[in-house]
N, C-alpha and C. Protein backbone atom coordinates (compact mmCIF):
# COMPACT_ATOMS: atom_id res chain seq x y z
N UNK A 1 -22.25 22.63 -24.83
CA UNK A 1 -21.34 21.36 -24.47
C UNK A 1 -21.95 20.42 -25.42
N UNK A 2 -20.80 19.71 -26.03
CA UNK A 2 -21.17 18.64 -26.95
C UNK A 2 -21.81 17.43 -26.49
N UNK A 3 -22.46 16.50 -27.23
CA UNK A 3 -23.04 15.39 -26.75
C UNK A 3 -21.93 14.51 -25.96
N UNK A 4 -20.79 14.35 -26.33
CA UNK A 4 -19.61 13.62 -25.90
C UNK A 4 -19.23 14.24 -24.55
N UNK A 5 -19.26 15.47 -24.49
CA UNK A 5 -18.80 16.13 -23.14
C UNK A 5 -20.05 16.00 -22.23
N UNK A 6 -21.09 16.04 -22.82
CA UNK A 6 -22.40 15.91 -21.62
C UNK A 6 -22.39 14.51 -21.15
N UNK A 7 -22.07 13.41 -21.90
CA UNK A 7 -22.15 12.06 -21.62
C UNK A 7 -21.04 11.93 -20.53
N UNK A 8 -19.97 12.54 -20.78
CA UNK A 8 -18.85 12.27 -19.85
C UNK A 8 -19.06 12.98 -18.53
N UNK A 9 -19.81 14.29 -18.67
CA UNK A 9 -20.21 14.89 -17.24
C UNK A 9 -21.19 14.05 -16.53
N UNK A 10 -22.05 13.49 -17.19
CA UNK A 10 -23.13 12.62 -16.59
C UNK A 10 -22.55 11.37 -16.09
N UNK A 11 -21.47 10.80 -16.70
CA UNK A 11 -20.74 9.48 -16.09
C UNK A 11 -20.08 10.13 -14.88
N UNK A 12 -19.23 11.28 -14.86
CA UNK A 12 -18.54 11.80 -13.63
C UNK A 12 -19.61 11.93 -12.70
N UNK A 13 -20.67 12.60 -12.84
CA UNK A 13 -21.54 12.87 -11.63
C UNK A 13 -22.03 11.60 -11.24
N UNK A 14 -22.58 10.71 -11.98
CA UNK A 14 -23.12 9.29 -11.55
C UNK A 14 -22.00 8.69 -10.97
N UNK A 15 -20.79 8.50 -11.31
CA UNK A 15 -19.77 7.76 -10.70
C UNK A 15 -19.82 8.21 -9.09
N UNK A 16 -19.47 9.63 -9.09
CA UNK A 16 -19.37 10.12 -7.52
C UNK A 16 -20.66 9.72 -6.77
N UNK A 17 -21.87 9.83 -7.52
CA UNK A 17 -23.20 9.83 -6.60
C UNK A 17 -23.36 8.15 -6.36
N UNK A 18 -23.14 7.31 -7.23
CA UNK A 18 -23.01 5.62 -7.08
C UNK A 18 -22.11 5.59 -5.81
N UNK A 19 -21.07 6.03 -5.73
CA UNK A 19 -19.89 5.92 -4.83
C UNK A 19 -20.42 6.39 -3.36
N UNK A 20 -20.96 7.50 -3.30
CA UNK A 20 -21.50 8.01 -2.21
C UNK A 20 -22.74 7.27 -1.74
N UNK A 21 -23.74 6.92 -2.60
CA UNK A 21 -25.07 6.66 -2.02
C UNK A 21 -25.34 4.97 -2.46
N UNK A 22 -24.46 4.41 -3.37
CA UNK A 22 -24.82 3.23 -3.93
C UNK A 22 -25.92 3.37 -4.87
N UNK A 23 -26.08 2.16 -5.57
CA UNK A 23 -27.17 2.07 -6.91
C UNK A 23 -28.59 2.53 -6.41
N UNK A 24 -29.12 1.87 -5.06
CA UNK A 24 -30.31 2.15 -4.81
C UNK A 24 -30.59 3.58 -4.20
N UNK A 25 -29.59 4.04 -3.63
CA UNK A 25 -29.70 5.42 -3.02
C UNK A 25 -29.58 6.43 -4.22
N UNK A 26 -28.98 6.26 -5.28
CA UNK A 26 -28.87 7.31 -6.49
C UNK A 26 -30.03 7.29 -7.21
N UNK A 27 -30.24 8.46 -7.77
CA UNK A 27 -31.50 8.57 -8.77
C UNK A 27 -31.00 9.28 -10.08
N UNK A 28 -31.87 9.11 -11.10
CA UNK A 28 -31.62 9.94 -12.35
C UNK A 28 -31.99 11.29 -12.06
N UNK A 29 -33.20 11.50 -11.02
CA UNK A 29 -33.31 13.06 -10.64
C UNK A 29 -31.99 13.74 -10.18
N UNK A 30 -31.36 13.30 -8.97
CA UNK A 30 -30.29 13.64 -8.83
C UNK A 30 -28.92 13.92 -9.52
N UNK A 31 -29.02 12.89 -10.53
CA UNK A 31 -27.90 13.00 -11.37
C UNK A 31 -28.07 14.13 -12.46
N UNK A 32 -29.37 14.31 -12.92
CA UNK A 32 -29.66 15.57 -13.68
C UNK A 32 -29.78 16.74 -12.98
N UNK A 33 -29.97 16.89 -11.80
CA UNK A 33 -30.00 18.02 -10.83
C UNK A 33 -28.69 18.41 -10.93
N UNK A 34 -27.73 17.68 -10.39
CA UNK A 34 -26.30 17.85 -10.44
C UNK A 34 -25.57 18.43 -11.82
N UNK A 35 -26.20 17.88 -12.78
CA UNK A 35 -25.59 18.30 -13.98
C UNK A 35 -26.30 19.61 -14.48
N UNK A 36 -27.21 19.91 -13.86
CA UNK A 36 -28.05 21.09 -14.63
C UNK A 36 -28.77 20.65 -15.66
N UNK A 37 -29.29 19.56 -15.93
CA UNK A 37 -30.24 19.16 -16.97
C UNK A 37 -31.53 18.49 -16.46
N UNK A 38 -32.32 18.08 -17.54
CA UNK A 38 -33.52 17.64 -17.31
C UNK A 38 -33.25 16.18 -17.14
N UNK A 39 -34.17 15.17 -16.78
CA UNK A 39 -34.07 14.00 -16.72
C UNK A 39 -33.93 13.27 -18.11
N UNK A 40 -35.02 13.83 -18.98
CA UNK A 40 -34.90 13.17 -20.39
C UNK A 40 -33.40 13.37 -21.13
N UNK A 41 -32.52 14.15 -20.71
CA UNK A 41 -31.24 14.37 -21.03
C UNK A 41 -30.60 13.08 -20.74
N UNK A 42 -30.54 12.59 -19.26
CA UNK A 42 -29.92 11.39 -18.94
C UNK A 42 -30.41 10.33 -19.49
N UNK A 43 -31.87 9.91 -19.64
CA UNK A 43 -32.41 9.06 -20.35
C UNK A 43 -31.87 8.91 -21.63
N UNK A 44 -31.97 10.05 -22.30
CA UNK A 44 -31.45 10.03 -23.96
C UNK A 44 -30.12 9.38 -24.02
N UNK A 45 -28.93 9.70 -23.17
CA UNK A 45 -27.74 9.30 -23.26
C UNK A 45 -27.63 7.82 -22.81
N UNK A 46 -28.35 7.36 -21.62
CA UNK A 46 -28.11 5.98 -21.03
C UNK A 46 -29.49 5.18 -20.90
N UNK A 47 -30.54 5.62 -21.14
CA UNK A 47 -31.69 4.85 -21.03
C UNK A 47 -32.48 4.61 -19.68
N UNK A 48 -31.71 5.00 -18.66
CA UNK A 48 -31.93 4.97 -17.28
C UNK A 48 -31.05 4.76 -16.36
N UNK A 49 -31.12 4.39 -14.96
CA UNK A 49 -30.08 4.47 -14.17
C UNK A 49 -29.42 3.08 -14.34
N UNK A 50 -29.79 1.99 -14.60
CA UNK A 50 -29.39 0.79 -14.96
C UNK A 50 -28.38 1.14 -16.05
N UNK A 51 -28.71 1.72 -17.17
CA UNK A 51 -27.71 1.93 -18.28
C UNK A 51 -26.34 2.81 -17.61
N UNK A 52 -26.62 3.95 -17.04
CA UNK A 52 -25.48 4.73 -16.60
C UNK A 52 -24.54 3.87 -15.72
N UNK A 53 -25.33 3.06 -14.69
CA UNK A 53 -24.55 2.35 -13.82
C UNK A 53 -23.69 1.32 -14.48
N UNK A 54 -24.28 0.66 -15.32
CA UNK A 54 -23.47 -0.44 -16.26
C UNK A 54 -22.24 0.15 -16.82
N UNK A 55 -22.32 1.40 -17.56
CA UNK A 55 -21.07 1.73 -18.17
C UNK A 55 -20.12 2.20 -17.02
N UNK A 56 -20.52 3.05 -15.82
CA UNK A 56 -19.64 3.17 -14.72
C UNK A 56 -19.03 1.98 -14.29
N UNK A 57 -19.62 0.92 -14.00
CA UNK A 57 -19.18 -0.23 -13.50
C UNK A 57 -18.17 -0.89 -14.44
N UNK A 58 -18.53 -0.99 -15.54
CA UNK A 58 -17.54 -1.39 -16.85
C UNK A 58 -16.44 -0.86 -16.82
N UNK A 59 -16.39 0.43 -16.90
CA UNK A 59 -15.18 1.35 -17.08
C UNK A 59 -14.13 1.00 -15.71
N UNK A 60 -14.89 1.01 -14.46
CA UNK A 60 -14.17 0.69 -13.53
C UNK A 60 -13.46 -0.76 -13.48
N UNK A 61 -14.33 -1.74 -13.88
CA UNK A 61 -13.78 -3.08 -13.95
C UNK A 61 -12.54 -2.95 -14.86
N UNK A 62 -12.68 -2.53 -16.00
CA UNK A 62 -11.47 -2.45 -17.07
C UNK A 62 -10.43 -1.53 -16.50
N UNK A 63 -10.74 -0.42 -15.88
CA UNK A 63 -9.44 0.04 -15.44
C UNK A 63 -8.86 -0.74 -14.25
N UNK A 64 -9.45 -1.35 -13.28
CA UNK A 64 -8.69 -1.96 -12.31
C UNK A 64 -8.03 -3.14 -12.95
N UNK A 65 -8.73 -4.02 -13.84
CA UNK A 65 -8.00 -5.14 -14.29
C UNK A 65 -6.86 -4.81 -15.53
N UNK A 66 -6.86 -3.62 -16.08
CA UNK A 66 -5.68 -3.17 -16.96
C UNK A 66 -4.52 -2.90 -15.81
N UNK A 67 -4.93 -2.00 -14.82
CA UNK A 67 -3.89 -1.77 -13.83
C UNK A 67 -3.13 -3.18 -13.26
N UNK A 68 -4.05 -4.27 -12.78
CA UNK A 68 -3.32 -5.53 -12.30
C UNK A 68 -2.63 -6.19 -13.35
N UNK A 69 -3.36 -6.31 -14.69
CA UNK A 69 -2.33 -7.06 -15.70
C UNK A 69 -1.27 -6.23 -16.02
N UNK A 70 -1.28 -4.77 -16.16
CA UNK A 70 -0.08 -4.30 -16.53
C UNK A 70 1.12 -4.30 -15.52
N UNK A 71 0.51 -4.62 -14.16
CA UNK A 71 1.46 -4.57 -13.14
C UNK A 71 2.29 -5.85 -13.11
N UNK A 72 1.87 -6.85 -13.67
CA UNK A 72 2.46 -8.20 -13.41
C UNK A 72 3.52 -8.34 -14.75
N UNK A 73 4.64 -7.84 -14.18
CA UNK A 73 5.86 -7.89 -15.21
C UNK A 73 6.91 -8.92 -14.89
N UNK A 74 6.98 -9.22 -13.71
CA UNK A 74 8.26 -10.11 -13.44
C UNK A 74 7.72 -11.49 -13.39
N UNK A 75 8.90 -12.28 -13.19
CA UNK A 75 8.64 -13.72 -13.65
C UNK A 75 8.53 -14.48 -12.44
N UNK A 76 9.08 -14.17 -11.34
CA UNK A 76 9.02 -15.02 -9.95
C UNK A 76 7.66 -14.74 -9.43
N UNK A 77 7.05 -15.99 -8.86
CA UNK A 77 5.74 -15.98 -8.36
C UNK A 77 5.61 -14.95 -7.20
N UNK A 78 6.66 -14.69 -6.31
CA UNK A 78 6.64 -13.90 -5.42
C UNK A 78 6.41 -12.40 -5.75
N UNK A 79 7.14 -12.12 -6.85
CA UNK A 79 7.03 -10.95 -7.31
C UNK A 79 5.71 -10.53 -8.13
N UNK A 80 5.41 -11.69 -8.60
CA UNK A 80 3.88 -11.51 -9.27
C UNK A 80 2.92 -11.04 -8.11
N UNK A 81 2.93 -11.71 -7.06
CA UNK A 81 2.11 -11.58 -5.99
C UNK A 81 2.05 -10.27 -5.47
N UNK A 82 3.51 -9.79 -5.29
CA UNK A 82 3.84 -8.44 -4.76
C UNK A 82 3.10 -7.40 -5.55
N UNK A 83 3.36 -7.40 -6.80
CA UNK A 83 2.84 -6.63 -7.97
C UNK A 83 1.19 -6.52 -7.96
N UNK A 84 0.49 -7.85 -7.82
CA UNK A 84 -0.85 -7.77 -7.83
C UNK A 84 -1.21 -7.22 -6.52
N UNK A 85 -0.93 -7.35 -5.44
CA UNK A 85 -1.23 -6.70 -4.31
C UNK A 85 -1.18 -5.36 -4.24
N UNK A 86 -0.06 -4.77 -4.71
CA UNK A 86 0.23 -3.38 -4.68
C UNK A 86 -0.60 -2.65 -5.64
N UNK A 87 -1.12 -3.13 -6.88
CA UNK A 87 -1.82 -2.74 -7.99
C UNK A 87 -3.04 -2.70 -7.47
N UNK A 88 -3.55 -3.56 -6.60
CA UNK A 88 -5.10 -3.33 -6.31
C UNK A 88 -5.17 -2.26 -5.13
N UNK A 89 -3.92 -2.40 -4.21
CA UNK A 89 -4.15 -1.04 -3.31
C UNK A 89 -3.85 0.32 -3.91
N UNK A 90 -2.94 0.44 -4.94
CA UNK A 90 -2.73 1.61 -5.61
C UNK A 90 -4.06 2.06 -6.25
N UNK A 91 -5.14 1.17 -6.78
CA UNK A 91 -6.18 1.40 -7.46
C UNK A 91 -7.13 1.97 -6.39
N UNK A 92 -7.31 1.24 -5.08
CA UNK A 92 -8.00 1.71 -4.07
C UNK A 92 -7.60 3.30 -3.62
N UNK A 93 -6.37 3.53 -3.54
CA UNK A 93 -5.79 4.68 -3.29
C UNK A 93 -6.18 5.76 -4.14
N UNK A 94 -6.22 5.52 -5.42
CA UNK A 94 -6.30 6.46 -6.36
C UNK A 94 -7.51 6.52 -6.99
N UNK A 95 -8.53 5.64 -7.03
CA UNK A 95 -9.91 5.60 -7.55
C UNK A 95 -10.90 4.86 -6.41
N UNK A 96 -10.61 5.68 -5.29
CA UNK A 96 -11.59 5.24 -4.13
C UNK A 96 -12.87 5.12 -4.59
N UNK A 97 -13.73 6.27 -5.35
CA UNK A 97 -14.95 6.25 -5.72
C UNK A 97 -15.04 5.07 -6.66
N UNK A 98 -14.34 4.70 -7.51
CA UNK A 98 -14.63 3.24 -8.25
C UNK A 98 -14.63 2.20 -7.65
N UNK A 99 -13.71 2.16 -6.54
CA UNK A 99 -13.65 0.93 -6.00
C UNK A 99 -14.80 0.71 -4.88
N UNK A 100 -15.34 1.88 -4.41
CA UNK A 100 -16.64 1.77 -3.55
C UNK A 100 -17.70 1.32 -4.34
N UNK A 101 -17.86 1.70 -5.63
CA UNK A 101 -18.95 1.43 -6.66
C UNK A 101 -18.72 -0.16 -6.74
N UNK A 102 -17.62 -0.65 -6.98
CA UNK A 102 -17.31 -2.09 -7.26
C UNK A 102 -17.73 -3.02 -5.96
N UNK A 103 -17.32 -2.59 -5.04
CA UNK A 103 -17.63 -3.51 -3.74
C UNK A 103 -19.06 -3.26 -3.21
N UNK A 104 -19.57 -2.08 -3.39
CA UNK A 104 -20.68 -1.61 -2.34
C UNK A 104 -21.89 -2.59 -2.84
N UNK A 105 -22.13 -2.44 -4.07
CA UNK A 105 -23.21 -3.36 -4.76
C UNK A 105 -22.89 -4.63 -5.28
N UNK A 106 -21.66 -5.09 -5.07
CA UNK A 106 -21.12 -6.41 -5.56
C UNK A 106 -20.29 -7.12 -4.40
N UNK A 107 -20.90 -7.64 -3.34
CA UNK A 107 -20.05 -8.28 -2.13
C UNK A 107 -19.26 -9.45 -2.63
N UNK A 108 -18.21 -9.46 -2.11
CA UNK A 108 -17.12 -10.30 -2.68
C UNK A 108 -17.76 -11.96 -2.39
N UNK A 109 -18.56 -12.03 -1.63
CA UNK A 109 -18.91 -13.38 -1.22
C UNK A 109 -19.88 -13.88 -2.34
N UNK A 110 -20.41 -12.64 -3.04
CA UNK A 110 -21.45 -13.00 -4.07
C UNK A 110 -20.91 -13.77 -5.20
N UNK A 111 -21.68 -14.62 -5.83
CA UNK A 111 -21.16 -15.45 -7.01
C UNK A 111 -21.44 -14.56 -8.18
N UNK A 112 -22.37 -13.53 -8.33
CA UNK A 112 -22.92 -13.17 -9.59
C UNK A 112 -22.60 -11.47 -9.63
N UNK A 113 -22.16 -11.10 -8.68
CA UNK A 113 -21.95 -9.50 -8.64
C UNK A 113 -20.61 -9.28 -9.47
N UNK A 114 -20.42 -7.89 -9.94
CA UNK A 114 -19.49 -7.33 -10.93
C UNK A 114 -18.08 -7.71 -10.12
N UNK A 115 -17.88 -7.04 -8.95
CA UNK A 115 -16.62 -7.34 -8.16
C UNK A 115 -16.27 -8.62 -8.23
N UNK A 116 -17.01 -9.59 -7.73
CA UNK A 116 -16.77 -11.20 -7.62
C UNK A 116 -16.54 -11.58 -9.06
N UNK A 117 -17.22 -11.20 -10.17
CA UNK A 117 -16.82 -11.62 -11.44
C UNK A 117 -15.54 -11.18 -11.83
N UNK A 118 -14.99 -9.84 -11.50
CA UNK A 118 -13.74 -9.67 -11.69
C UNK A 118 -12.71 -10.50 -10.98
N UNK A 119 -12.91 -10.58 -9.71
CA UNK A 119 -12.29 -11.46 -8.87
C UNK A 119 -11.80 -12.83 -9.41
N UNK A 120 -12.96 -13.28 -9.90
CA UNK A 120 -12.94 -14.81 -10.52
C UNK A 120 -12.08 -14.73 -11.67
N UNK A 121 -12.26 -13.70 -12.47
CA UNK A 121 -11.38 -13.60 -13.54
C UNK A 121 -9.82 -13.50 -12.90
N UNK A 122 -9.51 -12.53 -12.18
CA UNK A 122 -8.02 -12.69 -11.70
C UNK A 122 -7.70 -13.89 -10.92
N UNK A 123 -8.54 -14.73 -10.43
CA UNK A 123 -8.29 -16.02 -9.71
C UNK A 123 -7.92 -16.82 -10.78
N UNK A 124 -8.71 -16.92 -11.98
CA UNK A 124 -8.45 -17.86 -13.11
C UNK A 124 -6.99 -17.79 -13.66
N UNK A 125 -6.51 -16.46 -13.59
CA UNK A 125 -4.99 -16.11 -14.04
C UNK A 125 -4.00 -16.49 -13.15
N UNK A 126 -4.39 -16.34 -11.78
CA UNK A 126 -3.56 -16.94 -10.67
C UNK A 126 -3.49 -18.46 -10.52
N UNK A 127 -4.86 -18.97 -10.98
CA UNK A 127 -4.84 -20.51 -10.98
C UNK A 127 -3.84 -21.21 -11.86
N UNK A 128 -3.73 -20.26 -12.95
CA UNK A 128 -2.86 -20.98 -14.15
C UNK A 128 -1.23 -21.04 -13.45
N UNK A 129 -0.96 -19.82 -12.93
CA UNK A 129 0.21 -19.75 -12.40
C UNK A 129 0.65 -20.68 -11.50
N UNK A 130 -0.20 -20.88 -10.32
CA UNK A 130 -0.36 -21.96 -9.32
C UNK A 130 -0.27 -23.23 -10.05
N UNK A 131 -1.02 -23.55 -10.94
CA UNK A 131 -0.97 -24.97 -11.58
C UNK A 131 0.25 -25.26 -12.05
N UNK A 132 1.08 -24.38 -12.86
CA UNK A 132 2.62 -24.26 -13.32
C UNK A 132 3.39 -24.82 -12.15
N UNK A 133 3.28 -23.90 -11.16
CA UNK A 133 4.07 -23.85 -10.08
C UNK A 133 4.07 -25.41 -9.25
N UNK A 134 2.83 -25.75 -8.96
CA UNK A 134 2.34 -26.80 -8.47
C UNK A 134 3.06 -28.13 -9.09
N UNK A 135 2.92 -28.14 -10.51
CA UNK A 135 3.22 -29.28 -11.22
C UNK A 135 4.57 -29.33 -11.12
N UNK A 136 5.56 -28.24 -11.22
CA UNK A 136 6.91 -27.95 -11.03
C UNK A 136 7.37 -28.42 -9.79
N UNK A 137 6.72 -28.32 -8.67
CA UNK A 137 7.18 -28.59 -7.34
C UNK A 137 6.62 -30.03 -6.82
N UNK A 138 5.81 -30.91 -7.53
CA UNK A 138 5.10 -31.96 -7.28
C UNK A 138 3.79 -31.79 -6.30
N UNK A 139 3.38 -30.72 -6.36
CA UNK A 139 1.96 -30.63 -5.53
C UNK A 139 0.98 -30.97 -6.62
N UNK A 140 -0.13 -31.42 -5.91
CA UNK A 140 -1.24 -31.78 -6.74
C UNK A 140 -1.96 -30.60 -7.36
N UNK A 141 -1.82 -30.55 -8.79
CA UNK A 141 -2.19 -29.39 -9.60
C UNK A 141 -4.02 -29.15 -9.40
N UNK A 142 -4.69 -30.13 -9.03
CA UNK A 142 -6.06 -29.86 -8.69
C UNK A 142 -6.37 -28.82 -7.70
N UNK A 143 -5.41 -28.96 -6.66
CA UNK A 143 -5.60 -27.85 -5.66
C UNK A 143 -5.25 -26.18 -5.98
N UNK A 144 -4.85 -26.08 -7.33
CA UNK A 144 -4.51 -24.72 -7.57
C UNK A 144 -5.64 -23.60 -7.63
N UNK A 145 -7.11 -24.07 -8.04
CA UNK A 145 -8.00 -23.21 -8.11
C UNK A 145 -8.32 -23.08 -6.67
N UNK A 146 -8.32 -23.93 -5.54
CA UNK A 146 -8.80 -23.33 -4.40
C UNK A 146 -7.57 -22.35 -3.58
N UNK A 147 -6.49 -22.70 -4.09
CA UNK A 147 -5.26 -21.63 -3.38
C UNK A 147 -5.56 -20.24 -4.23
N UNK A 148 -6.10 -20.23 -5.47
CA UNK A 148 -5.97 -18.88 -6.00
C UNK A 148 -7.18 -18.32 -5.64
N UNK A 149 -8.34 -19.03 -5.29
CA UNK A 149 -9.43 -18.32 -4.69
C UNK A 149 -9.01 -17.73 -3.29
N UNK A 150 -8.24 -18.51 -2.51
CA UNK A 150 -7.98 -18.11 -1.04
C UNK A 150 -7.06 -16.68 -1.18
N UNK A 151 -6.15 -16.66 -2.01
CA UNK A 151 -5.36 -15.77 -2.24
C UNK A 151 -5.89 -14.37 -2.69
N UNK A 152 -6.64 -14.73 -3.77
CA UNK A 152 -7.26 -13.41 -4.38
C UNK A 152 -8.34 -13.13 -3.37
N UNK A 153 -8.99 -13.70 -2.63
CA UNK A 153 -10.17 -13.41 -1.51
C UNK A 153 -9.45 -12.56 -0.57
N UNK A 154 -8.22 -13.01 -0.14
CA UNK A 154 -7.50 -12.42 1.04
C UNK A 154 -7.21 -11.09 0.51
N UNK A 155 -6.57 -10.90 -0.60
CA UNK A 155 -6.09 -9.53 -1.10
C UNK A 155 -7.37 -8.62 -1.15
N UNK A 156 -8.55 -9.07 -1.63
CA UNK A 156 -9.53 -8.24 -1.99
C UNK A 156 -10.31 -7.68 -0.71
N UNK A 157 -10.47 -8.66 0.34
CA UNK A 157 -10.98 -8.49 1.47
C UNK A 157 -10.03 -7.37 2.29
N UNK A 158 -8.75 -7.80 2.20
CA UNK A 158 -7.88 -6.72 2.99
C UNK A 158 -7.92 -5.23 2.24
N UNK A 159 -8.23 -5.40 0.86
CA UNK A 159 -8.50 -4.10 0.30
C UNK A 159 -9.70 -3.37 0.61
N UNK A 160 -10.67 -4.07 0.80
CA UNK A 160 -11.97 -3.40 1.23
C UNK A 160 -11.78 -2.91 2.68
N UNK A 161 -11.06 -3.57 3.84
CA UNK A 161 -10.81 -3.01 5.06
C UNK A 161 -9.85 -1.79 4.87
N UNK A 162 -8.67 -1.95 4.18
CA UNK A 162 -7.86 -0.80 3.85
C UNK A 162 -8.57 0.42 3.36
N UNK A 163 -9.37 0.44 2.58
CA UNK A 163 -10.32 1.37 1.91
C UNK A 163 -10.83 2.37 3.11
N UNK A 164 -11.12 1.75 4.29
CA UNK A 164 -11.81 2.54 5.21
C UNK A 164 -10.74 3.26 6.33
N UNK A 165 -9.82 2.16 6.57
CA UNK A 165 -8.78 2.69 7.47
C UNK A 165 -7.57 3.54 7.17
N UNK A 166 -7.25 3.15 5.79
CA UNK A 166 -5.82 3.65 5.17
C UNK A 166 -4.59 3.75 6.04
N UNK A 167 -4.55 2.59 7.09
CA UNK A 167 -3.21 2.60 7.83
C UNK A 167 -3.16 1.11 8.06
N UNK A 168 -1.75 0.77 8.02
CA UNK A 168 -0.82 1.30 7.63
C UNK A 168 -0.61 1.61 6.28
N UNK A 169 0.44 2.25 5.67
CA UNK A 169 0.63 2.76 4.18
C UNK A 169 0.58 1.40 3.44
N UNK A 170 0.03 1.83 2.15
CA UNK A 170 -0.10 0.67 1.23
C UNK A 170 1.04 -0.44 1.00
N UNK A 171 2.18 0.17 1.02
CA UNK A 171 3.35 -0.45 0.56
C UNK A 171 3.48 -1.67 1.81
N UNK A 172 3.21 -1.14 3.02
CA UNK A 172 3.31 -1.82 4.23
C UNK A 172 2.20 -2.96 4.15
N UNK A 173 0.95 -2.64 3.96
CA UNK A 173 -0.12 -3.59 3.72
C UNK A 173 0.31 -4.74 2.74
N UNK A 174 0.68 -4.37 1.46
CA UNK A 174 1.12 -5.37 0.58
C UNK A 174 1.98 -6.09 0.91
N UNK A 175 3.24 -5.60 1.74
CA UNK A 175 4.18 -6.45 2.11
C UNK A 175 3.83 -7.41 3.25
N UNK A 176 2.89 -7.14 4.09
CA UNK A 176 2.21 -8.14 4.83
C UNK A 176 1.19 -9.11 4.28
N UNK A 177 0.64 -8.75 3.29
CA UNK A 177 -0.20 -9.71 2.42
C UNK A 177 0.72 -10.78 2.00
N UNK A 178 1.75 -10.40 1.21
CA UNK A 178 2.72 -11.15 0.72
C UNK A 178 3.45 -11.88 1.48
N UNK A 179 3.86 -11.31 2.69
CA UNK A 179 4.33 -12.12 3.92
C UNK A 179 3.42 -13.42 4.38
N UNK A 180 2.05 -13.01 4.49
CA UNK A 180 1.31 -14.19 4.86
C UNK A 180 1.07 -15.13 3.77
N UNK A 181 0.60 -14.47 2.56
CA UNK A 181 0.72 -15.67 1.48
C UNK A 181 1.83 -16.38 1.17
N UNK A 182 2.94 -15.67 1.10
CA UNK A 182 4.16 -16.53 0.71
C UNK A 182 4.87 -17.38 1.68
N UNK A 183 4.81 -16.83 3.07
CA UNK A 183 5.57 -17.49 4.08
C UNK A 183 4.75 -18.29 4.81
N UNK A 184 3.44 -18.19 4.98
CA UNK A 184 2.40 -18.82 5.81
C UNK A 184 2.63 -18.26 7.07
N UNK A 185 1.47 -18.71 7.95
CA UNK A 185 1.48 -18.33 9.39
C UNK A 185 2.90 -18.97 9.97
N UNK A 186 3.22 -20.00 9.74
CA UNK A 186 4.30 -20.69 10.55
C UNK A 186 5.71 -20.21 10.03
N UNK A 187 5.69 -19.20 9.09
CA UNK A 187 7.04 -18.83 8.71
C UNK A 187 7.10 -17.23 8.39
N UNK A 188 6.18 -16.54 9.17
CA UNK A 188 6.07 -15.28 9.18
C UNK A 188 7.32 -14.55 9.35
N UNK A 189 7.67 -13.35 8.41
CA UNK A 189 8.78 -12.59 8.65
C UNK A 189 8.46 -11.61 9.93
N UNK A 190 9.33 -11.21 10.72
CA UNK A 190 8.99 -10.21 11.77
C UNK A 190 8.69 -8.73 11.09
N UNK A 191 9.61 -8.21 10.20
CA UNK A 191 9.34 -6.99 9.49
C UNK A 191 9.26 -7.19 8.04
N UNK A 192 8.41 -7.54 7.47
CA UNK A 192 8.39 -7.91 6.00
C UNK A 192 8.34 -6.46 5.07
N UNK A 193 9.17 -6.51 4.14
CA UNK A 193 9.33 -5.48 3.03
C UNK A 193 8.96 -6.10 1.66
N UNK A 194 8.55 -5.16 0.79
CA UNK A 194 8.37 -5.52 -0.73
C UNK A 194 9.77 -5.84 -1.23
N UNK A 195 10.16 -7.11 -1.99
CA UNK A 195 11.43 -6.89 -2.57
C UNK A 195 11.65 -6.38 -4.01
N UNK A 196 10.36 -5.92 -4.43
CA UNK A 196 10.52 -5.01 -5.66
C UNK A 196 11.09 -3.90 -5.48
N UNK A 197 11.47 -3.12 -6.56
CA UNK A 197 11.93 -1.84 -6.48
C UNK A 197 10.86 -0.84 -6.52
N UNK A 198 10.91 0.07 -5.65
CA UNK A 198 9.77 1.15 -5.82
C UNK A 198 9.72 2.18 -6.93
């Protein structure tokens, strides 16, 4: 096995182990054992558990952010909301281990965790969109940060819940998130559907 292949093997094993046991529950010994190598091989590639964990988390954060940014293609704010909610649920569905890693050791309520840092980055982008919309519609632009944090938090926490229950289907969950965010409690649609083409 080449060094590059070994590194990827160790990352794949560590990713699965961190998703299963969390950072504290995983060990270099178990990563090495599952890879069929000695502990020094893992240390040689990553320096320690913190090093391999940092690479795994960085890759997951980049993957999730790339998915969300690439999903944002439509110009209407409701469509942007639909696309972002659906992209997060798509990531959870297709990269369950990655999402578990991001949320397990980085609670959404934390201000210094990796997942909360990612959410703050997304909220900053949403804040910009809200700021433009608020100005155009005569609302106080200073409230854009509050609304962006509320919206991103709602979607993220719902994503964490959906990770465990997987019902209803992700399209329906996204439609209900958009329904609540777009229409508010006083104007909820009885049977919401996504307006974007599938």
